[in-house]
Amino acid sequence: MSTFDYTGYKLGEKKVLKENEVTHAPAEKQIQDKLGADWKLVIDWPTFQKLTGDTATNDRAKSERQWVPNRVYQNYVPAIAAEVAKWDADMVEAVNDAVTDKKIIITMDTETVDNRYSVKVGKSIEVLMQQDKICYEYPYSDAYTVTAAIEKTL
């Protein structure tokens, strides 16, 4: 069972985060069933906290902080897991060979790009939500998915 670092979140925020966690375990299992038991679905809550909290520099990120648990747990987590579950054997082999940390990380981008999120493929697969686009959906389109990023990178 995964544990989550909710350091810096207020008590009421932690309650909402914990209520929304129910999507994580089934999604992580779906990813592990496809890629292998050593894979983890990681949510970088400390970065979300930092970039949407009182010290955040993006006003929209501050004002939409309340929506982060819902967007991450109800939208990104199940959608990414469902996407991974559709990968064919060639994709699974390529990802397992190239992504050595065996992690899919959902986090928030510290830099601004002109998309709802970006996907980076390296030692891990990172889905980086934009600070000013918290309330947007994943996926934006087939061209902006984890699958598309992997196909372009590997």
C-alpha atoms as a PDB file:
ATOM      1  CA  MET A   1       0.000   0.000   0.000  1.00  0.00           C
ATOM      2  CA  SER A   2       1.316   3.412  -0.945  1.00  0.00           C
ATOM      3  CA  THR A   3       1.728   6.199   1.540  1.00  0.00           C
ATOM      4  CA  PHE A   4       1.465   9.835   0.581  1.00  0.00           C
ATOM      5  CA  ASP A   5       3.378  12.842   1.839  1.00  0.00           C
ATOM      6  CA  TYR A   6       0.807  15.500   2.652  1.00  0.00           C
ATOM      7  CA  THR A   7       3.263  17.679   4.582  1.00  0.00           C
ATOM      8  CA  GLY A   8       2.237  21.325   4.492  1.00  0.00           C
ATOM      9  CA  TYR A   9      -1.424  20.682   3.779  1.00  0.00           C
ATOM     10  CA  LYS A  10      -4.001  21.894   6.293  1.00  0.00           C
ATOM     11  CA  LEU A  11      -6.113  19.374   8.207  1.00  0.00           C
ATOM     12  CA  GLY A  12      -9.193  19.921   6.032  1.00  0.00           C
ATOM     13  CA  GLU A  13      -7.102  19.584   2.876  1.00  0.00           C
ATOM     14  CA  LYS A  14      -5.569  16.332   4.135  1.00  0.00           C
ATOM     15  CA  LYS A  15      -9.068  14.984   4.753  1.00  0.00           C
ATOM     16  CA  VAL A  16     -10.094  15.732   1.153  1.00  0.00           C
ATOM     17  CA  LEU A  17      -6.855  14.219  -0.170  1.00  0.00           C
ATOM     18  CA  LYS A  18      -7.395  11.029   1.843  1.00  0.00           C
ATOM     19  CA  GLU A  19     -11.028  10.771   0.707  1.00  0.00           C
ATOM     20  CA  ASN A  20      -9.863  10.888  -2.910  1.00  0.00           C
ATOM     21  CA  GLU A  21      -7.047   8.323  -2.491  1.00  0.00           C
ATOM     22  CA  VAL A  22      -9.419   5.450  -3.315  1.00  0.00           C
ATOM     23  CA  THR A  23      -8.566   5.681  -7.019  1.00  0.00           C
ATOM     24  CA  HIS A  24      -4.827   5.240  -6.488  1.00  0.00           C
ATOM     25  CA  ALA A  25      -4.547   1.561  -5.467  1.00  0.00           C
ATOM     26  CA  PRO A  26      -6.675   0.203  -8.347  1.00  0.00           C
ATOM     27  CA  ALA A  27      -4.831   2.433 -10.829  1.00  0.00           C
ATOM     28  CA  GLU A  28      -1.412   1.375  -9.561  1.00  0.00           C
ATOM     29  CA  LYS A  29      -2.482  -2.272  -9.758  1.00  0.00           C
ATOM     30  CA  GLN A  30      -3.651  -1.752 -13.336  1.00  0.00           C
ATOM     31  CA  ILE A  31      -0.225  -0.314 -14.196  1.00  0.00           C
ATOM     32  CA  GLN A  32       1.565  -3.158 -12.396  1.00  0.00           C
ATOM     33  CA  ASP A  33      -0.575  -5.766 -14.144  1.00  0.00           C
ATOM     34  CA  LYS A  34       0.616  -4.364 -17.476  1.00  0.00           C
ATOM     35  CA  LEU A  35       4.221  -3.336 -16.740  1.00  0.00           C
ATOM     36  CA  GLY A  36       5.253  -5.475 -13.762  1.00  0.00           C
ATOM     37  CA  ALA A  37       4.977  -5.560  -9.980  1.00  0.00           C
ATOM     38  CA  ASP A  38       7.982  -3.274  -9.492  1.00  0.00           C
ATOM     39  CA  TRP A  39       6.209  -0.295 -11.073  1.00  0.00           C
ATOM     40  CA  LYS A  40       4.882   2.544  -8.891  1.00  0.00           C
ATOM     41  CA  LEU A  41       2.397   5.322  -9.510  1.00  0.00           C
ATOM     42  CA  VAL A  42       3.798   8.260  -7.561  1.00  0.00           C
ATOM     43  CA  ILE A  43       2.027  11.515  -6.821  1.00  0.00           C
ATOM     44  CA  ASP A  44       4.417  14.305  -5.929  1.00  0.00           C
ATOM     45  CA  TRP A  45       2.245  16.015  -3.323  1.00  0.00           C
ATOM     46  CA  PRO A  46       5.092  18.135  -1.866  1.00  0.00           C
ATOM     47  CA  THR A  47       5.521  19.882  -5.234  1.00  0.00           C
ATOM     48  CA  PHE A  48       1.761  20.396  -5.579  1.00  0.00           C
ATOM     49  CA  GLN A  49       1.715  21.852  -2.060  1.00  0.00           C
ATOM     50  CA  LYS A  50       4.618  24.189  -2.754  1.00  0.00           C
ATOM     51  CA  LEU A  51       3.304  25.453  -6.091  1.00  0.00           C
ATOM     52  CA  THR A  52      -0.315  25.943  -4.975  1.00  0.00           C
ATOM     53  CA  GLY A  53       0.217  26.978  -1.353  1.00  0.00           C
ATOM     54  CA  ASP A  54       0.672  30.322   0.350  1.00  0.00           C
ATOM     55  CA  THR A  55       4.123  30.788  -1.162  1.00  0.00           C
ATOM     56  CA  ALA A  56       2.958  30.020  -4.713  1.00  0.00           C
ATOM     57  CA  THR A  57       3.766  32.663  -7.303  1.00  0.00           C
ATOM     58  CA  ASN A  58       0.924  31.753  -9.671  1.00  0.00           C
ATOM     59  CA  ASP A  59      -2.361  33.350  -8.550  1.00  0.00           C
ATOM     60  CA  ARG A  60      -4.491  30.873 -10.478  1.00  0.00           C
ATOM     61  CA  ALA A  61      -2.687  27.934  -8.868  1.00  0.00           C
ATOM     62  CA  LYS A  62      -3.417  29.424  -5.446  1.00  0.00           C
ATOM     63  CA  SER A  63      -7.095  30.000  -6.222  1.00  0.00           C
ATOM     64  CA  GLU A  64      -7.588  26.523  -7.742  1.00  0.00           C
ATOM     65  CA  ARG A  65      -5.716  24.620  -5.003  1.00  0.00           C
ATOM     66  CA  GLN A  66      -9.021  23.245  -3.710  1.00  0.00           C
ATOM     67  CA  TRP A  67      -9.450  21.304  -6.972  1.00  0.00           C
ATOM     68  CA  VAL A  68      -6.051  19.574  -6.963  1.00  0.00           C
ATOM     69  CA  PRO A  69      -7.138  16.381  -5.103  1.00  0.00           C
ATOM     70  CA  ASN A  70     -10.079  15.863  -7.442  1.00  0.00           C
ATOM     71  CA  ARG A  71      -8.130  16.582 -10.614  1.00  0.00           C
ATOM     72  CA  VAL A  72      -5.217  14.331  -9.684  1.00  0.00           C
ATOM     73  CA  TYR A  73      -7.078  11.408  -8.090  1.00  0.00           C
ATOM     74  CA  GLN A  74     -10.290  11.451 -10.119  1.00  0.00           C
ATOM     75  CA  ASN A  75      -8.983  12.507 -13.516  1.00  0.00           C
ATOM     76  CA  TYR A  76      -5.267  11.943 -14.051  1.00  0.00           C
ATOM     77  CA  VAL A  77      -4.760   8.756 -11.985  1.00  0.00           C
ATOM     78  CA  PRO A  78      -7.477   6.557 -13.558  1.00  0.00           C
ATOM     79  CA  ALA A  79      -6.996   7.967 -17.069  1.00  0.00           C
ATOM     80  CA  ILE A  80      -3.250   7.309 -17.090  1.00  0.00           C
ATOM     81  CA  ALA A  81      -3.736   3.786 -15.709  1.00  0.00           C
ATOM     82  CA  ALA A  82      -6.383   3.013 -18.337  1.00  0.00           C
ATOM     83  CA  GLU A  83      -4.041   4.294 -21.025  1.00  0.00           C
ATOM     84  CA  VAL A  84      -1.164   2.081 -19.825  1.00  0.00           C
ATOM     85  CA  ALA A  85      -3.497  -0.932 -19.706  1.00  0.00           C
ATOM     86  CA  LYS A  86      -4.012  -0.585 -23.487  1.00  0.00           C
ATOM     87  CA  TRP A  87      -0.325  -0.794 -24.381  1.00  0.00           C
ATOM     88  CA  ASP A  88       0.754  -3.667 -26.603  1.00  0.00           C
ATOM     89  CA  ALA A  89       3.683  -6.010 -25.902  1.00  0.00           C
ATOM     90  CA  ASP A  90       6.158  -3.917 -27.929  1.00  0.00           C
ATOM     91  CA  MET A  91       5.317  -0.771 -25.973  1.00  0.00           C
ATOM     92  CA  VAL A  92       5.567  -2.626 -22.649  1.00  0.00           C
ATOM     93  CA  GLU A  93       8.975  -4.036 -23.590  1.00  0.00           C
ATOM     94  CA  ALA A  94      10.298  -0.649 -24.742  1.00  0.00           C
ATOM     95  CA  VAL A  95       9.074   1.103 -21.593  1.00  0.00           C
ATOM     96  CA  ASN A  96      10.466  -1.558 -19.264  1.00  0.00           C
ATOM     97  CA  ASP A  97      13.843  -1.418 -21.018  1.00  0.00           C
ATOM     98  CA  ALA A  98      14.122   2.375 -21.057  1.00  0.00           C
ATOM     99  CA  VAL A  99      12.388   3.609 -17.893  1.00  0.00           C
ATOM    100  CA  THR A 100      14.792   2.328 -15.248  1.00  0.00           C
ATOM    101  CA  ASP A 101      13.176   3.875 -12.155  1.00  0.00           C
ATOM    102  CA  LYS A 102       9.899   2.030 -12.911  1.00  0.00           C
ATOM    103  CA  LYS A 103       7.781   5.019 -11.885  1.00  0.00           C
ATOM    104  CA  ILE A 104       5.018   7.086 -13.372  1.00  0.00           C
ATOM    105  CA  ILE A 105       5.071  10.383 -11.492  1.00  0.00           C
ATOM    106  CA  ILE A 106       2.244  12.903 -11.496  1.00  0.00           C
ATOM    107  CA  THR A 107       3.554  16.281 -10.426  1.00  0.00           C
ATOM    108  CA  MET A 108       3.246  19.975 -11.128  1.00  0.00           C
ATOM    109  CA  ASP A 109       5.539  21.756 -13.564  1.00  0.00           C
ATOM    110  CA  THR A 110       7.739  24.500 -12.150  1.00  0.00           C
ATOM    111  CA  GLU A 111       8.034  25.990 -15.640  1.00  0.00           C
ATOM    112  CA  THR A 112       5.207  27.324 -17.769  1.00  0.00           C
ATOM    113  CA  VAL A 113       4.481  25.698 -21.107  1.00  0.00           C
ATOM    114  CA  ASP A 114       1.596  26.313 -23.472  1.00  0.00           C
ATOM    115  CA  ASN A 115      -0.257  23.082 -22.689  1.00  0.00           C
ATOM    116  CA  ARG A 116      -2.392  21.737 -19.866  1.00  0.00           C
ATOM    117  CA  TYR A 117       0.435  19.412 -18.907  1.00  0.00           C
ATOM    118  CA  SER A 118       3.597  17.996 -20.369  1.00  0.00           C
ATOM    119  CA  VAL A 119       4.974  14.466 -20.391  1.00  0.00           C
ATOM    120  CA  LYS A 120       8.666  13.683 -19.980  1.00  0.00           C
ATOM    121  CA  VAL A 121      10.144  10.238 -20.521  1.00  0.00           C
ATOM    122  CA  GLY A 122      13.521   9.413 -19.009  1.00  0.00           C
ATOM    123  CA  LYS A 123      14.495   7.371 -15.960  1.00  0.00           C
ATOM    124  CA  SER A 124      10.832   7.783 -15.006  1.00  0.00           C
ATOM    125  CA  ILE A 125       7.691   8.915 -16.796  1.00  0.00           C
ATOM    126  CA  GLU A 126       6.570  12.308 -15.535  1.00  0.00           C
ATOM    127  CA  VAL A 127       3.214  13.944 -16.151  1.00  0.00           C
ATOM    128  CA  LEU A 128       3.653  17.591 -15.213  1.00  0.00           C
ATOM    129  CA  MET A 129       0.445  19.567 -14.688  1.00  0.00           C
ATOM    130  CA  GLN A 130       0.569  23.278 -15.413  1.00  0.00           C
ATOM    131  CA  GLN A 131       0.102  25.609 -12.455  1.00  0.00           C
ATOM    132  CA  ASP A 132      -2.505  27.704 -14.243  1.00  0.00           C
ATOM    133  CA  LYS A 133      -4.422  24.763 -15.716  1.00  0.00           C
ATOM    134  CA  ILE A 134      -5.327  22.649 -12.678  1.00  0.00           C
ATOM    135  CA  CYS A 135      -8.974  22.263 -13.642  1.00  0.00           C
ATOM    136  CA  TYR A 136      -8.310  20.948 -17.137  1.00  0.00           C
ATOM    137  CA  GLU A 137      -8.810  17.315 -18.164  1.00  0.00           C
ATOM    138  CA  TYR A 138      -6.356  14.544 -19.042  1.00  0.00           C
ATOM    139  CA  PRO A 139      -5.865  13.672 -21.807  1.00  0.00           C
ATOM    140  CA  TYR A 140      -6.025  16.861 -23.825  1.00  0.00           C
ATOM    141  CA  SER A 141      -5.845  14.901 -27.082  1.00  0.00           C
ATOM    142  CA  ASP A 142      -4.214  11.746 -28.426  1.00  0.00           C
ATOM    143  CA  ALA A 143      -1.171  13.794 -29.404  1.00  0.00           C
ATOM    144  CA  TYR A 144      -0.606  14.824 -25.773  1.00  0.00           C
ATOM    145  CA  THR A 145      -0.648  11.539 -23.880  1.00  0.00           C
ATOM    146  CA  VAL A 146       1.881   9.397 -22.077  1.00  0.00           C
ATOM    147  CA  THR A 147       1.633   6.987 -25.002  1.00  0.00           C
ATOM    148  CA  ALA A 148       2.419   9.697 -27.567  1.00  0.00           C
ATOM    149  CA  ALA A 149       5.382  10.953 -25.528  1.00  0.00           C
ATOM    150  CA  ILE A 150       6.798   7.440 -25.292  1.00  0.00           C
ATOM    151  CA  GLU A 151       6.331   6.826 -29.012  1.00  0.00           C
ATOM    152  CA  LYS A 152       8.213  10.071 -29.768  1.00  0.00           C
ATOM    153  CA  THR A 153      10.973   9.446 -27.221  1.00  0.00           C
ATOM    154  CA  LEU A 154      11.786   5.733 -27.308  1.00  0.00           C
END
